PDB file of all heavy atoms in Angstrom:
ATOM      1  N   THR A   1      30.925 110.255 141.625  1.00  0.00           N
ATOM      2  CA  THR A   1      32.170 110.140 142.385  1.00  0.00           C
ATOM      3  C   THR A   1      32.764 108.751 142.236  1.00  0.00           C
ATOM      4  O   THR A   1      33.995 108.601 142.152  1.00  0.00           O
ATOM      5  CB  THR A   1      31.911 110.456 143.869  1.00  0.00           C
ATOM      6  OG1 THR A   1      31.209 111.697 143.973  1.00  0.00           O
ATOM      7  CG2 THR A   1      33.208 110.580 144.634  1.00  0.00           C
ATOM      8  N   VAL A   2      31.920 107.735 142.187  1.00  0.00           N
ATOM      9  CA  VAL A   2      32.403 106.366 141.974  1.00  0.00           C
ATOM     10  C   VAL A   2      33.053 106.244 140.592  1.00  0.00           C
ATOM     11  O   VAL A   2      34.078 105.575 140.437  1.00  0.00           O
ATOM     12  CB  VAL A   2      31.244 105.364 142.146  1.00  0.00           C
ATOM     13  CG1 VAL A   2      31.649 103.973 141.670  1.00  0.00           C
ATOM     14  CG2 VAL A   2      30.820 105.313 143.616  1.00  0.00           C
ATOM     15  N   VAL A   3      32.480 106.896 139.583  1.00  0.00           N
ATOM     16  CA  VAL A   3      33.093 106.892 138.251  1.00  0.00           C
ATOM     17  C   VAL A   3      34.525 107.425 138.322  1.00  0.00           C
ATOM     18  O   VAL A   3      35.468 106.835 137.766  1.00  0.00           O
ATOM     19  CB  VAL A   3      32.264 107.740 137.263  1.00  0.00           C
ATOM     20  CG1 VAL A   3      33.024 107.944 135.944  1.00  0.00           C
ATOM     21  CG2 VAL A   3      30.927 107.079 136.979  1.00  0.00           C
ATOM     22  N   GLY A   4      34.711 108.545 139.021  1.00  0.00           N
ATOM     23  CA  GLY A   4      36.045 109.106 139.151  1.00  0.00           C
ATOM     24  C   GLY A   4      37.008 108.164 139.839  1.00  0.00           C
ATOM     25  O   GLY A   4      38.177 108.044 139.439  1.00  0.00           O
ATOM     26  N   ALA A   5      36.533 107.467 140.871  1.00  0.00           N
ATOM     27  CA  ALA A   5      37.383 106.507 141.575  1.00  0.00           C
ATOM     28  C   ALA A   5      37.798 105.365 140.651  1.00  0.00           C
ATOM     29  O   ALA A   5      38.975 104.962 140.622  1.00  0.00           O
ATOM     30  CB  ALA A   5      36.641 105.967 142.795  1.00  0.00           C
ATOM     31  N   TYR A   6      36.855 104.833 139.882  1.00  0.00           N
ATOM     32  CA  TYR A   6      37.183 103.743 138.965  1.00  0.00           C
ATOM     33  C   TYR A   6      38.155 104.208 137.872  1.00  0.00           C
ATOM     34  O   TYR A   6      39.052 103.459 137.459  1.00  0.00           O
ATOM     35  CB  TYR A   6      35.910 103.188 138.327  1.00  0.00           C
ATOM     36  CG  TYR A   6      35.045 102.349 139.253  1.00  0.00           C
ATOM     37  CD1 TYR A   6      33.686 102.174 138.993  1.00  0.00           C
ATOM     38  CD2 TYR A   6      35.569 101.721 140.370  1.00  0.00           C
ATOM     39  CE1 TYR A   6      32.878 101.402 139.821  1.00  0.00           C
ATOM     40  CE2 TYR A   6      34.782 100.948 141.203  1.00  0.00           C
ATOM     41  CZ  TYR A   6      33.441 100.797 140.922  1.00  0.00           C
ATOM     42  OH  TYR A   6      32.645 100.025 141.750  1.00  0.00           O
ATOM     43  N   CYS A   7      37.991 105.435 137.399  1.00  0.00           N
ATOM     44  CA  CYS A   7      38.912 105.958 136.384  1.00  0.00           C
ATOM     45  C   CYS A   7      40.329 106.059 136.921  1.00  0.00           C
ATOM     46  O   CYS A   7      41.307 105.715 136.235  1.00  0.00           O
ATOM     47  CB  CYS A   7      38.439 107.332 135.896  1.00  0.00           C
ATOM     48  SG  CYS A   7      36.979 107.299 134.850  1.00  0.00           S
ATOM     49  N   GLN A   8      40.463 106.535 138.144  1.00  0.00           N
ATOM     50  CA  GLN A   8      41.792 106.633 138.746  1.00  0.00           C
ATOM     51  C   GLN A   8      42.402 105.249 138.947  1.00  0.00           C
ATOM     52  O   GLN A   8      43.622 105.063 138.765  1.00  0.00           O
ATOM     53  CB  GLN A   8      41.712 107.379 140.080  1.00  0.00           C
ATOM     54  CG  GLN A   8      41.455 108.870 139.952  1.00  0.00           C
ATOM     55  CD  GLN A   8      42.616 109.618 139.319  1.00  0.00           C
ATOM     56  OE1 GLN A   8      43.773 109.253 139.472  1.00  0.00           O
ATOM     57  NE2 GLN A   8      42.296 110.680 138.586  1.00  0.00           N
ATOM     58  N   MET A   9      41.582 104.270 139.310  1.00  0.00           N
ATOM     59  CA  MET A   9      42.092 102.902 139.466  1.00  0.00           C
ATOM     60  C   MET A   9      42.545 102.333 138.123  1.00  0.00           C
ATOM     61  O   MET A   9      43.538 101.600 138.055  1.00  0.00           O
ATOM     62  CB  MET A   9      41.022 102.011 140.094  1.00  0.00           C
ATOM     63  CG  MET A   9      40.755 102.295 141.570  1.00  0.00           C
ATOM     64  SD  MET A   9      42.228 102.146 142.617  1.00  0.00           S
ATOM     65  CE  MET A   9      42.662 100.412 142.347  1.00  0.00           C
ATOM     66  N   HIS A  10      41.821 102.664 137.059  1.00  0.00           N
ATOM     67  CA  HIS A  10      42.250 102.205 135.732  1.00  0.00           C
ATOM     68  C   HIS A  10      43.595 102.808 135.356  1.00  0.00           C
ATOM     69  O   HIS A  10      44.481 102.130 134.842  1.00  0.00           O
ATOM     70  CB  HIS A  10      41.189 102.570 134.691  1.00  0.00           C
ATOM     71  CG  HIS A  10      41.599 102.232 133.295  1.00  0.00           C
ATOM     72  ND1 HIS A  10      41.842 103.199 132.333  1.00  0.00           N
ATOM     73  CD2 HIS A  10      41.839 101.043 132.693  1.00  0.00           C
ATOM     74  CE1 HIS A  10      42.202 102.609 131.211  1.00  0.00           C
ATOM     75  NE2 HIS A  10      42.200 101.313 131.393  1.00  0.00           N
ATOM     76  N   ARG A  11      43.766 104.094 135.614  1.00  0.00           N
ATOM     77  CA  ARG A  11      45.050 104.734 135.327  1.00  0.00           C
ATOM     78  C   ARG A  11      46.171 104.120 136.152  1.00  0.00           C
ATOM     79  O   ARG A  11      47.291 103.949 135.676  1.00  0.00           O
ATOM     80  CB  ARG A  11      44.967 106.233 135.634  1.00  0.00           C
ATOM     81  CG  ARG A  11      44.192 107.060 134.627  1.00  0.00           C
ATOM     82  CD  ARG A  11      44.238 108.534 135.010  1.00  0.00           C
ATOM     83  NE  ARG A  11      45.610 109.018 135.102  1.00  0.00           N
ATOM     84  CZ  ARG A  11      45.967 110.151 135.692  1.00  0.00           C
ATOM     85  NH1 ARG A  11      45.043 110.923 136.254  1.00  0.00           N
ATOM     86  NH2 ARG A  11      47.229 110.514 135.730  1.00  0.00           N
ATOM     87  N   ALA A  12      45.878 103.790 137.407  1.00  0.00           N
ATOM     88  CA  ALA A  12      46.910 103.291 138.305  1.00  0.00           C
ATOM     89  C   ALA A  12      47.314 101.853 137.994  1.00  0.00           C
ATOM     90  O   ALA A  12      48.488 101.493 138.139  1.00  0.00           O
ATOM     91  CB  ALA A  12      46.430 103.391 139.753  1.00  0.00           C
ATOM     92  N   THR A  13      46.352 101.046 137.560  1.00  0.00           N
ATOM     93  CA  THR A  13      46.627  99.611 137.400  1.00  0.00           C
ATOM     94  C   THR A  13      46.691  99.162 135.950  1.00  0.00           C
ATOM     95  O   THR A  13      47.270  98.102 135.664  1.00  0.00           O
ATOM     96  CB  THR A  13      45.537  98.786 138.106  1.00  0.00           C
ATOM     97  OG1 THR A  13      44.274  99.002 137.443  1.00  0.00           O
ATOM     98  CG2 THR A  13      45.408  99.181 139.571  1.00  0.00           C
ATOM     99  N   GLY A  14      46.078  99.914 135.041  1.00  0.00           N
ATOM    100  CA  GLY A  14      45.981  99.461 133.658  1.00  0.00           C
ATOM    101  C   GLY A  14      44.969  98.348 133.466  1.00  0.00           C
ATOM    102  O   GLY A  14      44.840  97.813 132.353  1.00  0.00           O
ATOM    103  N   ASN A  15      44.225  98.012 134.513  1.00  0.00           N
ATOM    104  CA  ASN A  15      43.234  96.938 134.450  1.00  0.00           C
ATOM    105  C   ASN A  15      41.965  97.462 133.770  1.00  0.00           C
ATOM    106  O   ASN A  15      41.308  98.369 134.270  1.00  0.00           O
ATOM    107  CB  ASN A  15      42.924  96.440 135.864  1.00  0.00           C
ATOM    108  CG  ASN A  15      42.023  95.220 135.875  1.00  0.00           C
ATOM    109  OD1 ASN A  15      41.254  94.985 134.945  1.00  0.00           O
ATOM    110  ND2 ASN A  15      42.121  94.427 136.930  1.00  0.00           N
ATOM    111  N   ASP A  16      41.620  96.868 132.621  1.00  0.00           N
ATOM    112  CA  ASP A  16      40.476  97.350 131.847  1.00  0.00           C
ATOM    113  C   ASP A  16      39.136  97.108 132.530  1.00  0.00           C
ATOM    114  O   ASP A  16      38.126  97.703 132.136  1.00  0.00           O
ATOM    115  CB  ASP A  16      40.467  96.695 130.463  1.00  0.00           C
ATOM    116  CG  ASP A  16      41.557  97.249 129.555  1.00  0.00           C
ATOM    117  OD1 ASP A  16      42.034  98.366 129.829  1.00  0.00           O
ATOM    118  OD2 ASP A  16      41.932  96.563 128.586  1.00  0.00           O
ATOM    119  N   GLU A  17      39.099  96.253 133.551  1.00  0.00           N
ATOM    120  CA  GLU A  17      37.843  96.053 134.259  1.00  0.00           C
ATOM    121  C   GLU A  17      37.401  97.333 134.963  1.00  0.00           C
ATOM    122  O   GLU A  17      36.206  97.628 135.036  1.00  0.00           O
ATOM    123  CB  GLU A  17      37.985  94.911 135.265  1.00  0.00           C
ATOM    124  CG  GLU A  17      38.090  93.537 134.619  1.00  0.00           C
ATOM    125  CD  GLU A  17      38.054  92.422 135.641  1.00  0.00           C
ATOM    126  OE1 GLU A  17      37.661  92.694 136.805  1.00  0.00           O
ATOM    127  OE2 GLU A  17      38.393  91.292 135.285  1.00  0.00           O
ATOM    128  N   TRP A  18      38.370  98.106 135.474  1.00  0.00           N
ATOM    129  CA  TRP A  18      38.020  99.377 136.111  1.00  0.00           C
ATOM    130  C   TRP A  18      37.476 100.350 135.065  1.00  0.00           C
ATOM    131  O   TRP A  18      36.534 101.099 135.340  1.00  0.00           O
ATOM    132  CB  TRP A  18      39.220  99.971 136.820  1.00  0.00           C
ATOM    133  CG  TRP A  18      39.740  99.163 137.971  1.00  0.00           C
ATOM    134  CD1 TRP A  18      40.982  98.618 138.096  1.00  0.00           C
ATOM    135  CD2 TRP A  18      39.025  98.799 139.166  1.00  0.00           C
ATOM    136  NE1 TRP A  18      41.101  97.940 139.287  1.00  0.00           N
ATOM    137  CE2 TRP A  18      39.906  98.038 139.957  1.00  0.00           C
ATOM    138  CE3 TRP A  18      37.733  99.044 139.626  1.00  0.00           C
ATOM    139  CZ2 TRP A  18      39.535  97.521 141.200  1.00  0.00           C
ATOM    140  CZ3 TRP A  18      37.358  98.524 140.862  1.00  0.00           C
ATOM    141  CH2 TRP A  18      38.251  97.773 141.635  1.00  0.00           C
ATOM    142  N   ALA A  19      38.051 100.343 133.878  1.00  0.00           N
ATOM    143  CA  ALA A  19      37.554 101.213 132.807  1.00  0.00           C
ATOM    144  C   ALA A  19      36.135 100.831 132.401  1.00  0.00           C
ATOM    145  O   ALA A  19      35.275 101.704 132.194  1.00  0.00           O
ATOM    146  CB  ALA A  19      38.486 101.141 131.599  1.00  0.00           C
ATOM    147  N   MET A  20      35.866  99.545 132.305  1.00  0.00           N
ATOM    148  CA  MET A  20      34.528  99.078 131.951  1.00  0.00           C
ATOM    149  C   MET A  20      33.512  99.494 133.011  1.00  0.00           C
ATOM    150  O   MET A  20      32.425  99.984 132.693  1.00  0.00           O
ATOM    151  CB  MET A  20      34.527  97.560 131.801  1.00  0.00           C
ATOM    152  CG  MET A  20      33.164  96.971 131.457  1.00  0.00           C
ATOM    153  SD  MET A  20      33.170  95.164 131.502  1.00  0.00           S
ATOM    154  CE  MET A  20      33.403  94.870 133.260  1.00  0.00           C
ATOM    155  N   LEU A  21      33.887  99.333 134.283  1.00  0.00           N
ATOM    156  CA  LEU A  21      32.986  99.742 135.358  1.00  0.00           C
ATOM    157  C   LEU A  21      32.723 101.239 135.315  1.00  0.00           C
ATOM    158  O   LEU A  21      31.598 101.696 135.520  1.00  0.00           O
ATOM    159  CB  LEU A  21      33.589  99.354 136.711  1.00  0.00           C
ATOM    160  CG  LEU A  21      33.485  97.885 137.110  1.00  0.00           C
ATOM    161  CD1 LEU A  21      34.385  97.593 138.312  1.00  0.00           C
ATOM    162  CD2 LEU A  21      32.039  97.532 137.445  1.00  0.00           C
ATOM    163  N   ALA A  22      33.766 102.014 135.050  1.00  0.00           N
ATOM    164  CA  ALA A  22      33.602 103.471 134.979  1.00  0.00           C
ATOM    165  C   ALA A  22      32.656 103.853 133.851  1.00  0.00           C
ATOM    166  O   ALA A  22      31.741 104.676 134.041  1.00  0.00           O
ATOM    167  CB  ALA A  22      34.966 104.133 134.783  1.00  0.00           C
ATOM    168  N   LYS A  23      32.836 103.280 132.665  1.00  0.00           N
ATOM    169  CA  LYS A  23      32.004 103.618 131.519  1.00  0.00           C
ATOM    170  C   LYS A  23      30.551 103.209 131.747  1.00  0.00           C
ATOM    171  O   LYS A  23      29.620 103.959 131.427  1.00  0.00           O
ATOM    172  CB  LYS A  23      32.562 102.948 130.260  1.00  0.00           C
ATOM    173  CG  LYS A  23      33.882 103.529 129.781  1.00  0.00           C
ATOM    174  CD  LYS A  23      34.490 102.710 128.664  1.00  0.00           C
ATOM    175  CE  LYS A  23      33.639 102.727 127.418  1.00  0.00           C
ATOM    176  NZ  LYS A  23      34.304 102.005 126.298  1.00  0.00           N
ATOM    177  N   GLN A  24      30.347 102.031 132.305  1.00  0.00           N
ATOM    178  CA  GLN A  24      28.981 101.556 132.515  1.00  0.00           C
ATOM    179  C   GLN A  24      28.269 102.373 133.603  1.00  0.00           C
ATOM    180  O   GLN A  24      27.080 102.702 133.466  1.00  0.00           O
ATOM    181  CB  GLN A  24      29.004 100.070 132.892  1.00  0.00           C
ATOM    182  CG  GLN A  24      29.420  99.165 131.745  1.00  0.00           C
ATOM    183  CD  GLN A  24      29.507  97.697 132.157  1.00  0.00           C
ATOM    184  OE1 GLN A  24      29.535  97.374 133.345  1.00  0.00           O
ATOM    185  NE2 GLN A  24      29.554  96.805 131.180  1.00  0.00           N
ATOM    186  N   THR A  25      28.982 102.691 134.674  1.00  0.00           N
ATOM    187  CA  THR A  25      28.383 103.506 135.731  1.00  0.00           C
ATOM    188  C   THR A  25      28.047 104.897 135.213  1.00  0.00           C
ATOM    189  O   THR A  25      26.991 105.459 135.514  1.00  0.00           O
ATOM    190  CB  THR A  25      29.337 103.598 136.936  1.00  0.00           C
ATOM    191  OG1 THR A  25      29.691 102.283 137.376  1.00  0.00           O
ATOM    192  CG2 THR A  25      28.690 104.356 138.089  1.00  0.00           C
ATOM    193  N   LEU A  26      28.944 105.474 134.406  1.00  0.00           N
ATOM    194  CA  LEU A  26      28.703 106.789 133.832  1.00  0.00           C
ATOM    195  C   LEU A  26      27.504 106.772 132.897  1.00  0.00           C
ATOM    196  O   LEU A  26      26.639 107.665 132.951  1.00  0.00           O
ATOM    197  CB  LEU A  26      29.951 107.270 133.087  1.00  0.00           C
ATOM    198  CG  LEU A  26      29.852 108.648 132.431  1.00  0.00           C
ATOM    199  CD1 LEU A  26      29.595 109.734 133.470  1.00  0.00           C
ATOM    200  CD2 LEU A  26      31.131 108.955 131.649  1.00  0.00           C
ATOM    201  N   ALA A  27      27.417 105.768 132.031  1.00  0.00           N
ATOM    202  CA  ALA A  27      26.296 105.682 131.101  1.00  0.00           C
ATOM    203  C   ALA A  27      24.972 105.550 131.850  1.00  0.00           C
ATOM    204  O   ALA A  27      23.964 106.183 131.494  1.00  0.00           O
ATOM    205  CB  ALA A  27      26.486 104.489 130.157  1.00  0.00           C
ATOM    206  N   SER A  28      24.977 104.764 132.920  1.00  0.00           N
ATOM    207  CA  SER A  28      23.761 104.577 133.709  1.00  0.00           C
ATOM    208  C   SER A  28      23.320 105.877 134.370  1.00  0.00           C
ATOM    209  O   SER A  28      22.139 106.248 134.324  1.00  0.00           O
ATOM    210  CB  SER A  28      24.006 103.500 134.778  1.00  0.00           C
ATOM    211  OG  SER A  28      22.910 103.395 135.659  1.00  0.00           O
ATOM    212  N   LEU A  29      24.265 106.605 134.964  1.00  0.00           N
ATOM    213  CA  LEU A  29      23.872 107.833 135.672  1.00  0.00           C
ATOM    214  C   LEU A  29      23.439 108.922 134.690  1.00  0.00           C
ATOM    215  O   LEU A  29      22.518 109.694 134.987  1.00  0.00           O
ATOM    216  CB  LEU A  29      24.998 108.306 136.589  1.00  0.00           C
ATOM    217  CG  LEU A  29      26.226 109.017 136.008  1.00  0.00           C
ATOM    218  CD1 LEU A  29      26.001 110.515 135.853  1.00  0.00           C
ATOM    219  CD2 LEU A  29      27.441 108.786 136.909  1.00  0.00           C
ATOM    220  N   LEU A  30      24.080 109.002 133.537  1.00  0.00           N
ATOM    221  CA  LEU A  30      23.686 110.007 132.548  1.00  0.00           C
ATOM    222  C   LEU A  30      22.285 109.737 132.030  1.00  0.00           C
ATOM    223  O   LEU A  30      21.489 110.662 131.834  1.00  0.00           O
ATOM    224  CB  LEU A  30      24.685 110.034 131.396  1.00  0.00           C
ATOM    225  CG  LEU A  30      26.062 110.625 131.700  1.00  0.00           C
ATOM    226  CD1 LEU A  30      26.977 110.474 130.489  1.00  0.00           C
ATOM    227  CD2 LEU A  30      25.962 112.087 132.116  1.00  0.00           C
ATOM    228  N   GLN A  31      21.959 108.474 131.816  1.00  0.00           N
ATOM    229  CA  GLN A  31      20.627 108.128 131.339  1.00  0.00           C
ATOM    230  C   GLN A  31      19.570 108.454 132.385  1.00  0.00           C
ATOM    231  O   GLN A  31      18.528 109.053 132.068  1.00  0.00           O
ATOM    232  CB  GLN A  31      20.568 106.645 130.984  1.00  0.00           C
ATOM    233  CG  GLN A  31      19.221 106.198 130.431  1.00  0.00           C
ATOM    234  CD  GLN A  31      19.187 104.718 130.120  1.00  0.00           C
ATOM    235  OE1 GLN A  31      19.826 103.914 130.792  1.00  0.00           O
ATOM    236  NE2 GLN A  31      18.447 104.345 129.085  1.00  0.00           N
ATOM    237  N   ARG A  32      19.815 108.087 133.633  1.00  0.00           N
ATOM    238  CA  ARG A  32      18.849 108.370 134.694  1.00  0.00           C
ATOM    239  C   ARG A  32      18.676 109.872 134.887  1.00  0.00           C
ATOM    240  O   ARG A  32      17.570 110.359 135.108  1.00  0.00           O
ATOM    241  CB  ARG A  32      19.299 107.716 135.997  1.00  0.00           C
ATOM    242  CG  ARG A  32      19.036 106.222 136.052  1.00  0.00           C
ATOM    243  CD  ARG A  32      19.359 105.645 137.394  1.00  0.00           C
ATOM    244  NE  ARG A  32      20.785 105.418 137.555  1.00  0.00           N
ATOM    245  CZ  ARG A  32      21.545 105.977 138.488  1.00  0.00           C
ATOM    246  NH1 ARG A  32      21.008 106.833 139.335  1.00  0.00           N
ATOM    247  NH2 ARG A  32      22.816 105.698 138.574  1.00  0.00           N
TER     248      ARG A  32
END
């Protein structure tokens, strides 16, 4: 759910930091 929130923030702001957080959180949860 946090990944989805960060993705929406990236779309809304264009700030790549939100995209980086989304990708890293997603990669971590998929691995676990």
